[in-house]
Amino acid sequence: MTTPDPDPRRTPEAAPRSGVSPGETPPAEGGTYGISYAEPPEMRKGWGAMPLVLIMAVVALVVIGLIAMVVTLVV
């Protein structure tokens, strides 16, 4: 990997006291971009056990109540 500002005295084909000849300069920007480490995948939050149990209990109570209403109307 090259540094963005190399020392002209150690650069190949550098003219003394005049710096680096045109065409021998490094690019203006580095070649690295983006994040430097992999991010963990986002965890999906699903339904927990407790909310499902509570919903099923409420549904069961409603069904039992409806059945009881039908039975009282029939009898």
N, C-alpha and C. Protein backbone atom coordinates (compact mmCIF):
# COMPACT_ATOMS: atom_id res chain seq x y z
N MET A 1 0.85 -1.17 0.00
CA MET A 1 0.00 0.00 0.00
C MET A 1 0.89 1.23 0.00
N THR A 2 0.57 2.20 -0.81
CA THR A 2 1.36 3.42 -0.88
C THR A 2 0.76 4.48 0.02
N THR A 3 1.59 5.35 0.48
CA THR A 3 1.11 6.46 1.29
C THR A 3 0.65 7.58 0.37
N PRO A 4 -0.31 8.40 0.80
CA PRO A 4 -0.80 9.46 -0.07
C PRO A 4 0.25 10.53 -0.37
N ASP A 5 1.24 10.71 0.49
CA ASP A 5 2.24 11.73 0.27
C ASP A 5 3.63 11.13 0.48
N PRO A 6 4.16 10.40 -0.52
CA PRO A 6 5.46 9.77 -0.33
C PRO A 6 6.60 10.79 -0.29
N ASP A 7 7.68 10.39 0.32
CA ASP A 7 8.87 11.25 0.39
C ASP A 7 9.51 11.29 -0.99
N PRO A 8 9.63 12.47 -1.62
CA PRO A 8 10.19 12.54 -2.98
C PRO A 8 11.62 12.04 -3.08
N ARG A 9 12.38 12.10 -1.98
CA ARG A 9 13.77 11.65 -2.04
C ARG A 9 13.86 10.13 -2.16
N ARG A 10 12.82 9.42 -1.71
CA ARG A 10 12.85 7.96 -1.78
C ARG A 10 12.01 7.42 -2.92
N THR A 11 11.33 8.29 -3.68
CA THR A 11 10.50 7.88 -4.79
C THR A 11 11.37 7.61 -6.00
N PRO A 12 11.14 6.51 -6.74
CA PRO A 12 11.95 6.25 -7.94
C PRO A 12 11.79 7.36 -8.97
N GLU A 13 12.84 7.63 -9.68
CA GLU A 13 12.88 8.61 -10.76
C GLU A 13 12.53 10.02 -10.30
N ALA A 14 12.88 10.35 -9.09
CA ALA A 14 12.64 11.70 -8.60
C ALA A 14 13.83 12.57 -8.95
N ALA A 15 13.56 13.71 -9.49
CA ALA A 15 14.63 14.65 -9.82
C ALA A 15 15.06 15.36 -8.53
N PRO A 16 16.35 15.58 -8.34
CA PRO A 16 16.78 16.23 -7.10
C PRO A 16 16.27 17.66 -7.00
N ARG A 17 15.74 18.00 -5.84
CA ARG A 17 15.21 19.34 -5.50
C ARG A 17 14.05 19.79 -6.38
N SER A 18 13.56 19.00 -7.25
CA SER A 18 12.43 19.43 -8.07
C SER A 18 11.18 18.58 -7.80
N GLY A 19 11.28 17.65 -6.86
CA GLY A 19 10.12 16.83 -6.55
C GLY A 19 9.97 15.67 -7.50
N VAL A 20 8.77 15.29 -7.74
CA VAL A 20 8.47 14.14 -8.59
C VAL A 20 8.02 14.64 -9.95
N SER A 21 8.46 13.97 -10.99
CA SER A 21 8.07 14.38 -12.34
C SER A 21 6.60 14.09 -12.57
N PRO A 22 5.95 14.83 -13.48
CA PRO A 22 4.52 14.60 -13.75
C PRO A 22 4.28 13.16 -14.21
N GLY A 23 3.19 12.59 -13.77
CA GLY A 23 2.86 11.23 -14.11
C GLY A 23 3.38 10.22 -13.10
N GLU A 24 4.25 10.63 -12.22
CA GLU A 24 4.81 9.74 -11.20
C GLU A 24 4.17 9.94 -9.84
N THR A 25 3.21 10.86 -9.74
CA THR A 25 2.59 11.14 -8.45
C THR A 25 1.52 10.10 -8.15
N PRO A 26 1.29 9.80 -6.91
CA PRO A 26 0.24 8.85 -6.54
C PRO A 26 -1.14 9.47 -6.73
N PRO A 27 -2.17 8.68 -6.74
CA PRO A 27 -3.52 9.24 -6.89
C PRO A 27 -3.87 10.14 -5.70
N ALA A 28 -4.83 11.02 -5.90
CA ALA A 28 -5.21 11.97 -4.87
C ALA A 28 -5.97 11.32 -3.73
N GLU A 29 -6.61 10.19 -3.98
CA GLU A 29 -7.41 9.54 -2.96
C GLU A 29 -6.88 8.15 -2.71
N GLY A 30 -7.13 7.66 -1.51
CA GLY A 30 -6.75 6.29 -1.18
C GLY A 30 -7.67 5.29 -1.85
N GLY A 31 -7.26 4.06 -1.90
CA GLY A 31 -8.05 3.03 -2.55
C GLY A 31 -8.99 2.30 -1.62
N THR A 32 -9.01 2.69 -0.36
CA THR A 32 -9.90 2.01 0.59
C THR A 32 -11.15 2.84 0.77
N TYR A 33 -12.27 2.16 0.92
CA TYR A 33 -13.53 2.84 1.16
C TYR A 33 -14.47 1.87 1.86
N GLY A 34 -15.56 2.37 2.39
CA GLY A 34 -16.53 1.53 3.07
C GLY A 34 -16.15 1.29 4.52
N ILE A 35 -16.79 0.30 5.10
CA ILE A 35 -16.53 0.00 6.51
C ILE A 35 -15.31 -0.89 6.62
N SER A 36 -14.69 -0.87 7.77
CA SER A 36 -13.44 -1.61 7.93
C SER A 36 -13.65 -3.01 8.50
N TYR A 37 -14.86 -3.32 8.94
CA TYR A 37 -15.13 -4.65 9.48
C TYR A 37 -16.56 -5.05 9.11
N ALA A 38 -16.78 -6.32 9.10
CA ALA A 38 -18.10 -6.81 8.72
C ALA A 38 -19.08 -6.60 9.87
N GLU A 39 -20.24 -6.05 9.55
CA GLU A 39 -21.26 -5.85 10.57
C GLU A 39 -22.08 -7.12 10.72
N PRO A 40 -22.49 -7.45 11.94
CA PRO A 40 -23.31 -8.64 12.12
C PRO A 40 -24.68 -8.43 11.49
N PRO A 41 -25.29 -9.51 10.99
CA PRO A 41 -26.61 -9.35 10.38
C PRO A 41 -27.63 -8.89 11.43
N GLU A 42 -28.58 -8.10 10.98
CA GLU A 42 -29.58 -7.57 11.90
C GLU A 42 -30.50 -8.69 12.37
N MET A 43 -30.67 -8.76 13.68
CA MET A 43 -31.51 -9.82 14.24
C MET A 43 -32.98 -9.46 14.03
N ARG A 44 -33.75 -10.40 13.53
CA ARG A 44 -35.17 -10.17 13.35
C ARG A 44 -35.88 -10.51 14.64
N LYS A 45 -36.76 -9.63 15.03
CA LYS A 45 -37.51 -9.87 16.26
C LYS A 45 -38.84 -10.49 15.90
N GLY A 46 -39.06 -11.68 16.40
CA GLY A 46 -40.32 -12.36 16.15
C GLY A 46 -41.19 -12.33 17.39
N TRP A 47 -42.28 -13.04 17.30
CA TRP A 47 -43.16 -13.12 18.45
C TRP A 47 -42.53 -14.00 19.50
N GLY A 48 -42.59 -13.56 20.74
CA GLY A 48 -42.11 -14.37 21.84
C GLY A 48 -43.18 -15.39 22.24
N ALA A 49 -42.83 -16.28 23.15
CA ALA A 49 -43.77 -17.33 23.58
C ALA A 49 -44.91 -16.74 24.40
N MET A 50 -44.62 -15.78 25.26
CA MET A 50 -45.65 -15.25 26.16
C MET A 50 -46.76 -14.51 25.42
N PRO A 51 -46.47 -13.62 24.47
CA PRO A 51 -47.58 -12.97 23.75
C PRO A 51 -48.45 -13.97 22.99
N LEU A 52 -47.83 -14.99 22.42
CA LEU A 52 -48.64 -16.00 21.70
C LEU A 52 -49.55 -16.76 22.65
N VAL A 53 -49.05 -17.11 23.82
CA VAL A 53 -49.87 -17.83 24.81
C VAL A 53 -51.03 -16.94 25.26
N LEU A 54 -50.77 -15.66 25.51
CA LEU A 54 -51.83 -14.75 25.94
C LEU A 54 -52.89 -14.57 24.84
N ILE A 55 -52.47 -14.45 23.61
CA ILE A 55 -53.42 -14.30 22.51
C ILE A 55 -54.27 -15.55 22.37
N MET A 56 -53.64 -16.72 22.46
CA MET A 56 -54.41 -17.98 22.35
C MET A 56 -55.37 -18.13 23.52
N ALA A 57 -54.99 -17.68 24.72
CA ALA A 57 -55.89 -17.76 25.88
C ALA A 57 -57.09 -16.85 25.69
N VAL A 58 -56.88 -15.64 25.18
CA VAL A 58 -58.00 -14.72 24.94
C VAL A 58 -58.92 -15.28 23.87
N VAL A 59 -58.36 -15.83 22.82
CA VAL A 59 -59.18 -16.43 21.75
C VAL A 59 -59.99 -17.59 22.32
N ALA A 60 -59.37 -18.43 23.14
CA ALA A 60 -60.08 -19.57 23.74
C ALA A 60 -61.23 -19.08 24.62
N LEU A 61 -61.00 -18.02 25.43
CA LEU A 61 -62.08 -17.49 26.28
C LEU A 61 -63.22 -16.93 25.45
N VAL A 62 -62.90 -16.25 24.35
CA VAL A 62 -63.95 -15.70 23.49
C VAL A 62 -64.75 -16.84 22.85
N VAL A 63 -64.08 -17.88 22.40
CA VAL A 63 -64.77 -19.03 21.79
C VAL A 63 -65.66 -19.71 22.83
N ILE A 64 -65.16 -19.90 24.03
CA ILE A 64 -65.97 -20.52 25.10
C ILE A 64 -67.19 -19.65 25.41
N GLY A 65 -67.00 -18.34 25.46
CA GLY A 65 -68.14 -17.43 25.71
C GLY A 65 -69.16 -17.49 24.59
N LEU A 66 -68.72 -17.55 23.34
CA LEU A 66 -69.67 -17.65 22.23
C LEU A 66 -70.44 -18.96 22.25
N ILE A 67 -69.73 -20.05 22.56
CA ILE A 67 -70.39 -21.35 22.65
C ILE A 67 -71.41 -21.34 23.78
N ALA A 68 -71.07 -20.72 24.91
CA ALA A 68 -72.00 -20.65 26.03
C ALA A 68 -73.23 -19.82 25.66
N MET A 69 -73.07 -18.73 24.91
CA MET A 69 -74.22 -17.94 24.47
C MET A 69 -75.13 -18.72 23.54
N VAL A 70 -74.52 -19.49 22.63
CA VAL A 70 -75.33 -20.30 21.71
C VAL A 70 -76.10 -21.37 22.49
N VAL A 71 -75.44 -22.00 23.45
CA VAL A 71 -76.10 -23.05 24.24
C VAL A 71 -77.26 -22.48 25.04
N THR A 72 -77.10 -21.27 25.62
CA THR A 72 -78.22 -20.69 26.39
C THR A 72 -79.37 -20.28 25.50
N LEU A 73 -79.09 -19.91 24.26
CA LEU A 73 -80.18 -19.54 23.34
C LEU A 73 -80.93 -20.77 22.86
N VAL A 74 -80.24 -21.87 22.70
CA VAL A 74 -80.85 -23.09 22.17
C VAL A 74 -81.68 -23.76 23.27
N VAL A 75 -81.22 -23.77 24.45
CA VAL A 75 -81.91 -24.51 25.54
C VAL A 75 -82.97 -23.69 26.16
